[in-house]
N, C-alpha and C. Protein backbone atom coordinates (compact mmCIF):
# COMPACT_ATOMS: atom_id res chain seq x y z
N MET A 1 0.84 -1.20 0.00
CA MET A 1 0.00 0.00 0.00
C MET A 1 0.88 1.25 0.00
N LEU A 2 1.97 1.18 0.75
CA LEU A 2 2.86 2.34 0.83
C LEU A 2 3.44 2.65 -0.55
N ASP A 3 3.78 1.59 -1.29
CA ASP A 3 4.35 1.79 -2.63
C ASP A 3 3.36 2.54 -3.51
N ARG A 4 2.10 2.17 -3.42
CA ARG A 4 1.07 2.82 -4.25
C ARG A 4 1.01 4.31 -3.94
N SER A 5 1.07 4.66 -2.66
CA SER A 5 1.02 6.07 -2.26
C SER A 5 2.24 6.80 -2.80
N LEU A 6 3.40 6.16 -2.69
CA LEU A 6 4.64 6.76 -3.15
C LEU A 6 4.57 7.01 -4.65
N VAL A 7 4.10 6.00 -5.39
CA VAL A 7 3.99 6.13 -6.84
C VAL A 7 3.02 7.26 -7.20
N CYS A 8 1.92 7.34 -6.47
CA CYS A 8 0.92 8.39 -6.73
C CYS A 8 1.54 9.77 -6.49
N CYS A 9 2.31 9.88 -5.41
CA CYS A 9 2.95 11.15 -5.09
C CYS A 9 3.94 11.54 -6.18
N ILE A 10 4.76 10.58 -6.60
CA ILE A 10 5.77 10.84 -7.63
C ILE A 10 5.07 11.20 -8.94
N LEU A 11 3.97 10.51 -9.23
CA LEU A 11 3.23 10.77 -10.47
C LEU A 11 2.71 12.21 -10.45
N MET A 12 2.12 12.61 -9.34
CA MET A 12 1.57 13.97 -9.23
C MET A 12 2.70 14.99 -9.37
N PHE A 13 3.83 14.72 -8.69
CA PHE A 13 4.97 15.63 -8.75
C PHE A 13 5.47 15.75 -10.18
N GLY A 14 5.55 14.61 -10.86
CA GLY A 14 6.02 14.60 -12.25
C GLY A 14 5.09 15.40 -13.14
N ILE A 15 3.79 15.24 -12.95
CA ILE A 15 2.81 15.97 -13.77
C ILE A 15 2.93 17.47 -13.48
N SER A 16 3.07 17.82 -12.22
CA SER A 16 3.18 19.23 -11.84
C SER A 16 4.40 19.86 -12.49
N THR A 17 5.55 19.20 -12.37
CA THR A 17 6.78 19.73 -12.95
C THR A 17 6.67 19.75 -14.47
N GLY A 18 6.00 18.75 -15.03
CA GLY A 18 5.85 18.68 -16.48
C GLY A 18 5.02 19.85 -16.98
N LEU A 19 3.93 20.16 -16.28
CA LEU A 19 3.08 21.28 -16.68
C LEU A 19 3.84 22.59 -16.53
N SER A 20 4.55 22.73 -15.43
CA SER A 20 5.32 23.95 -15.20
C SER A 20 6.37 24.12 -16.29
N ASP A 21 7.03 23.02 -16.64
CA ASP A 21 8.07 23.07 -17.66
C ASP A 21 7.46 23.43 -19.02
N GLY A 22 6.29 22.85 -19.29
CA GLY A 22 5.64 23.10 -20.57
C GLY A 22 5.17 24.55 -20.66
N ALA A 23 4.65 25.08 -19.53
CA ALA A 23 4.14 26.44 -19.52
C ALA A 23 5.31 27.41 -19.37
């Protein structure tokens, strides 16, 4: 379960940085 949370957090962080980088 912890792994899933970690992956979700990393995924959100990646999307956030990706959007910021794109914008």
